[in-house]
C-alpha atoms as a PDB file:
ATOM      1  CA  MET A   1      -5.325 -13.104   7.824  1.00  0.00           C
ATOM      2  CA  PHE A   2      -3.262 -11.182   9.257  1.00  0.00           C
ATOM      3  CA  GLU A   3      -2.752 -11.895  13.282  1.00  0.00           C
ATOM      4  CA  ASN A   4       1.303 -12.538  12.429  1.00  0.00           C
ATOM      5  CA  PHE A   5       1.358  -8.677  11.024  1.00  0.00           C
ATOM      6  CA  VAL A   6       3.427  -6.387  12.701  1.00  0.00           C
ATOM      7  CA  LEU A   7       1.777  -2.924  12.655  1.00  0.00           C
ATOM      8  CA  ALA A   8       4.210   0.119  12.081  1.00  0.00           C
ATOM      9  CA  ASP A   9       2.416   4.524  10.713  1.00  0.00           C
ATOM     10  CA  PHE A  10       4.069   5.420   8.130  1.00  0.00           C
ATOM     11  CA  PRO A  11       6.683   6.627   7.287  1.00  0.00           C
ATOM     12  CA  PRO A  12       8.114   4.541  10.248  1.00  0.00           C
ATOM     13  CA  ALA A  13      10.221   5.344  12.843  1.00  0.00           C
ATOM     14  CA  LYS A  14      13.533   7.177  11.869  1.00  0.00           C
ATOM     15  CA  GLY A  15      16.034   3.781  12.854  1.00  0.00           C
ATOM     16  CA  PHE A  16      12.824   1.490  11.923  1.00  0.00           C
ATOM     17  CA  THR A  17      15.274  -2.265  11.282  1.00  0.00           C
ATOM     18  CA  PRO A  18      12.923  -5.168  11.448  1.00  0.00           C
ATOM     19  CA  GLU A  19      13.551  -8.660  12.292  1.00  0.00           C
ATOM     20  CA  ASN A  20      17.962  -9.127  11.401  1.00  0.00           C
ATOM     21  CA  ARG A  21      15.782 -11.685   8.285  1.00  0.00           C
ATOM     22  CA  LYS A  22      15.624 -11.001   5.137  1.00  0.00           C
ATOM     23  CA  GLY A  23      12.460 -12.135   3.940  1.00  0.00           C
ATOM     24  CA  PHE A  24       9.595  -9.872   4.804  1.00  0.00           C
ATOM     25  CA  VAL A  25       5.449  -9.413   2.489  1.00  0.00           C
ATOM     26  CA  TYR A  26       3.424  -5.923   4.032  1.00  0.00           C
ATOM     27  CA  VAL A  27       0.479  -4.368   2.738  1.00  0.00           C
ATOM     28  CA  LEU A  28      -0.085  -0.426   3.224  1.00  0.00           C
ATOM     29  CA  TYR A  29      -3.968   0.875   4.176  1.00  0.00           C
ATOM     30  CA  TRP A  30      -5.411   3.609   4.767  1.00  0.00           C
ATOM     31  CA  MET A  31      -6.999   4.571   7.457  1.00  0.00           C
ATOM     32  CA  SER A  32      -9.919   6.954   8.377  1.00  0.00           C
ATOM     33  CA  ARG A  33     -12.359   6.454  11.670  1.00  0.00           C
ATOM     34  CA  GLU A  34     -10.067   3.519  12.825  1.00  0.00           C
ATOM     35  CA  ILE A  35     -11.448   1.527   9.156  1.00  0.00           C
ATOM     36  CA  GLU A  36      -8.512   0.193   7.874  1.00  0.00           C
ATOM     37  CA  VAL A  37      -8.324  -0.027   3.960  1.00  0.00           C
ATOM     38  CA  PRO A  38      -5.492  -2.120   1.829  1.00  0.00           C
ATOM     39  CA  PHE A  39      -4.168  -0.233  -1.063  1.00  0.00           C
ATOM     40  CA  TYR A  40      -0.969  -1.764  -1.983  1.00  0.00           C
ATOM     41  CA  ILE A  41       0.979  -5.921  -1.175  1.00  0.00           C
ATOM     42  CA  GLY A  42       3.994  -5.549  -2.224  1.00  0.00           C
ATOM     43  CA  GLU A  43       7.677  -8.191  -0.796  1.00  0.00           C
ATOM     44  CA  THR A  44      10.870  -7.446  -0.145  1.00  0.00           C
ATOM     45  CA  ASP A  45      14.565  -9.006   1.435  1.00  0.00           C
ATOM     46  CA  GLY A  46      15.368  -5.479   2.636  1.00  0.00           C
ATOM     47  CA  LEU A  47      12.347  -3.314   4.032  1.00  0.00           C
ATOM     48  CA  SER A  48      13.546  -0.565   5.244  1.00  0.00           C
ATOM     49  CA  ALA A  49      14.983   0.785   1.915  1.00  0.00           C
ATOM     50  CA  ARG A  50      11.540   0.203   0.510  1.00  0.00           C
ATOM     51  CA  MET A  51       9.787   1.775   2.941  1.00  0.00           C
ATOM     52  CA  ASN A  52      12.120   4.973   2.071  1.00  0.00           C
ATOM     53  CA  ASN A  53      12.206   4.402  -1.353  1.00  0.00           C
ATOM     54  CA  TYR A  54       8.078   4.670  -0.823  1.00  0.00           C
ATOM     55  CA  CYS A  55       8.727   7.930   1.365  1.00  0.00           C
ATOM     56  CA  VAL A  56      11.199   9.488  -1.823  1.00  0.00           C
ATOM     57  CA  GLY A  57       9.333   7.683  -4.937  1.00  0.00           C
ATOM     58  CA  SER A  58      10.982   8.660  -7.708  1.00  0.00           C
ATOM     59  CA  PHE A  59       9.259   8.054 -11.146  1.00  0.00           C
ATOM     60  CA  SER A  60      11.914   6.375 -13.389  1.00  0.00           C
ATOM     61  CA  ALA A  61      10.917   3.422 -10.843  1.00  0.00           C
ATOM     62  CA  PRO A  62       7.236   2.510 -11.261  1.00  0.00           C
ATOM     63  CA  THR A  63       6.012   1.335  -8.877  1.00  0.00           C
ATOM     64  CA  ASP A  64       8.233   3.266  -5.709  1.00  0.00           C
ATOM     65  CA  PHE A  65       5.730   6.857  -6.943  1.00  0.00           C
ATOM     66  CA  ARG A  66       2.307   4.351  -7.684  1.00  0.00           C
ATOM     67  CA  VAL A  67       2.463   4.150  -4.413  1.00  0.00           C
ATOM     68  CA  CYS A  68       4.454   6.795  -3.032  1.00  0.00           C
ATOM     69  CA  GLU A  69       1.825   9.075  -4.456  1.00  0.00           C
ATOM     70  CA  CYS A  70      -0.645   7.432  -3.202  1.00  0.00           C
ATOM     71  CA  ILE A  71       0.570   7.427   0.555  1.00  0.00           C
ATOM     72  CA  ARG A  72       0.887  11.501  -0.499  1.00  0.00           C
ATOM     73  CA  TYR A  73      -2.605  12.364  -1.226  1.00  0.00           C
ATOM     74  CA  PHE A  74      -3.961  10.078   1.604  1.00  0.00           C
ATOM     75  CA  LYS A  75      -2.428  11.892   4.073  1.00  0.00           C
ATOM     76  CA  ASP A  76      -2.153  15.299   1.994  1.00  0.00           C
ATOM     77  CA  ASN A  77      -5.187  15.687   0.417  1.00  0.00           C
ATOM     78  CA  LYS A  78      -7.331  13.599   2.565  1.00  0.00           C
ATOM     79  CA  ASN A  79      -6.252  13.754   6.854  1.00  0.00           C
ATOM     80  CA  CYS A  80      -6.163  10.018   6.748  1.00  0.00           C
ATOM     81  CA  ARG A  81      -3.583   7.804   8.118  1.00  0.00           C
ATOM     82  CA  VAL A  82      -1.438   5.557   6.469  1.00  0.00           C
ATOM     83  CA  ILE A  83      -0.180   2.019   7.951  1.00  0.00           C
ATOM     84  CA  VAL A  84       2.549  -0.846   7.081  1.00  0.00           C
ATOM     85  CA  ARG A  85       1.840  -4.190   8.224  1.00  0.00           C
ATOM     86  CA  TYR A  86       4.070  -6.483   7.930  1.00  0.00           C
ATOM     87  CA  LYS A  87       5.703 -10.081   8.736  1.00  0.00           C
ATOM     88  CA  THR A  88       8.839 -12.077   8.303  1.00  0.00           C
ATOM     89  CA  SER A  89       8.283 -14.690   4.779  1.00  0.00           C
ATOM     90  CA  SER A  90      11.443 -16.718   2.807  1.00  0.00           C
ATOM     91  CA  ASP A  91      14.461 -15.380   2.686  1.00  0.00           C
ATOM     92  CA  ARG A  92      13.463 -17.095  -1.598  1.00  0.00           C
ATOM     93  CA  LYS A  93      11.750 -14.954  -3.601  1.00  0.00           C
ATOM     94  CA  ALA A  94       9.577 -17.845  -4.992  1.00  0.00           C
ATOM     95  CA  GLU A  95       8.074 -17.752  -1.243  1.00  0.00           C
ATOM     96  CA  ARG A  96       7.852 -14.279  -0.952  1.00  0.00           C
ATOM     97  CA  LEU A  97       5.735 -13.547  -4.343  1.00  0.00           C
ATOM     98  CA  ARG A  98       3.512 -16.760  -3.614  1.00  0.00           C
ATOM     99  CA  GLU A  99       2.675 -15.394  -0.402  1.00  0.00           C
ATOM    100  CA  GLU A 100       1.834 -11.993  -1.784  1.00  0.00           C
ATOM    101  CA  ALA A 101      -0.101 -13.744  -4.583  1.00  0.00           C
ATOM    102  CA  ASP A 102      -2.144 -15.325  -1.827  1.00  0.00           C
ATOM    103  CA  ILE A 103      -2.709 -12.348   0.050  1.00  0.00           C
ATOM    104  CA  LYS A 104      -3.798 -10.330  -3.369  1.00  0.00           C
ATOM    105  CA  GLU A 105      -5.681 -12.818  -3.823  1.00  0.00           C
ATOM    106  CA  ALA A 106      -7.524 -13.149  -0.529  1.00  0.00           C
ATOM    107  CA  LEU A 107      -7.575  -9.068  -0.284  1.00  0.00           C
ATOM    108  CA  HIS A 108      -9.286  -9.336  -4.084  1.00  0.00           C
ATOM    109  CA  LEU A 109     -12.215 -11.200  -3.135  1.00  0.00           C
ATOM    110  CA  SER A 110     -13.048  -9.286  -0.167  1.00  0.00           C
ATOM    111  CA  GLY A 111     -13.836  -6.738  -2.500  1.00  0.00           C
ATOM    112  CA  ALA A 112     -10.677  -5.061  -2.128  1.00  0.00           C
ATOM    113  CA  LEU A 113      -9.246  -2.036  -5.349  1.00  0.00           C
ATOM    114  CA  LEU A 114      -5.568  -2.644  -5.237  1.00  0.00           C
ATOM    115  CA  LEU A 115      -3.122  -0.356  -6.465  1.00  0.00           C
ATOM    116  CA  ASN A 116      -1.229  -3.468  -6.896  1.00  0.00           C
ATOM    117  CA  HIS A 117      -4.042  -4.281 -10.040  1.00  0.00           C
ATOM    118  CA  PHE A 118      -4.336  -0.753 -11.664  1.00  0.00           C
ATOM    119  CA  ARG A 119      -1.821  -0.180 -15.026  1.00  0.00           C
ATOM    120  CA  SER A 120       2.017   0.574 -14.531  1.00  0.00           C
ATOM    121  CA  HIS A 121       3.325   3.802 -17.023  1.00  0.00           C
ATOM    122  CA  ASN A 122       6.645   4.374 -18.611  1.00  0.00           C
ATOM    123  CA  TYR A 123       8.570   6.559 -17.334  1.00  0.00           C
ATOM    124  CA  ARG A 124      10.137   7.250 -20.798  1.00  0.00           C
ATOM    125  CA  VAL A 125       6.596   8.823 -22.354  1.00  0.00           C
ATOM    126  CA  ASP A 126       4.321   9.225 -19.543  1.00  0.00           C
ATOM    127  CA  ARG A 127       4.395  12.215 -18.419  1.00  0.00           C
ATOM    128  CA  ASP A 128       4.229  12.621 -13.906  1.00  0.00           C
ATOM    129  CA  VAL A 129       1.344  14.968 -14.368  1.00  0.00           C
ATOM    130  CA  ASP A 130      -0.743  12.983 -16.060  1.00  0.00           C
ATOM    131  CA  GLU A 131       0.059   9.774 -13.544  1.00  0.00           C
ATOM    132  CA  ARG A 132      -0.484  11.592 -10.411  1.00  0.00           C
ATOM    133  CA  LYS A 133      -3.651  12.830 -11.773  1.00  0.00           C
ATOM    134  CA  ARG A 134      -5.178   8.282 -12.953  1.00  0.00           C
ATOM    135  CA  LEU A 135      -3.410   7.698  -8.865  1.00  0.00           C
ATOM    136  CA  HIS A 136      -5.382  10.351  -7.348  1.00  0.00           C
ATOM    137  CA  MET A 137      -8.178   8.657  -9.510  1.00  0.00           C
ATOM    138  CA  PHE A 138      -7.073   5.714  -7.813  1.00  0.00           C
ATOM    139  CA  CYS A 139      -7.418   6.199  -4.770  1.00  0.00           C
ATOM    140  CA  GLU A 140     -10.682   8.607  -5.067  1.00  0.00           C
ATOM    141  CA  ALA A 141     -12.657   4.581  -6.310  1.00  0.00           C
ATOM    142  CA  SER A 142     -10.746   3.242  -3.109  1.00  0.00           C
ATOM    143  CA  ILE A 143     -12.592   6.157  -1.052  1.00  0.00           C
ATOM    144  CA  ARG A 144     -15.764   5.962  -2.552  1.00  0.00           C
ATOM    145  CA  LEU A 145     -16.483   2.459  -2.796  1.00  0.00           C
ATOM    146  CA  GLN A 146     -15.400   1.848   1.663  1.00  0.00           C
ATOM    147  CA  ASP A 147     -18.009   4.577   1.602  1.00  0.00           C
ATOM    148  CA  LEU A 148     -20.386   2.655   0.300  1.00  0.00           C
ATOM    149  CA  ARG A 149     -19.502  -0.737   2.972  1.00  0.00           C
ATOM    150  CA  VAL A 150     -19.526   1.446   6.313  1.00  0.00           C
ATOM    151  CA  PRO A 151     -23.351   1.314   7.385  1.00  0.00           C
ATOM    152  CA  ALA A 152     -25.193   4.622   7.521  1.00  0.00           C
ATOM    153  CA  LYS A 153     -26.260   5.699  10.781  1.00  0.00           C
ATOM    154  CA  VAL A 154     -29.735   6.042  11.030  1.00  0.00           C
ATOM    155  CA  GLN A 155     -31.157   9.189  12.051  1.00  0.00           C
ATOM    156  CA  ARG A 156     -33.993   8.498  15.169  1.00  0.00           C
END
């Protein structure tokens, strides 16, 4: 499914400017022991700007905050590598949204736990400390789910 996707570490290197196109779909993964676990799927008309938004993670931009907080938790608290796989898509938002939905569906059917399906916050009434706690619980659930899938090594 991801044969045509380009892989980059997160955050991307300075000067990250993928092909001169407007439309992209992308998948963010956390990695541990060379296992890639998807946790967020998105689409955008400006990939470099979107990745930068995920580095900043303003609380008043709920998606940016949620993705940024999960990335920080996986990297800083769990020592996981975070990567992004992306590919060019249509310049038309409706077509990108359809492609994004197809990817979400395929990953959901494979058993992936996706942040896309996790309730967002209302920055006007919710507190950032509470949202951080909820997002950390999502990350821990993603890790536990993956631990259930990795076969245990047989002791001899």
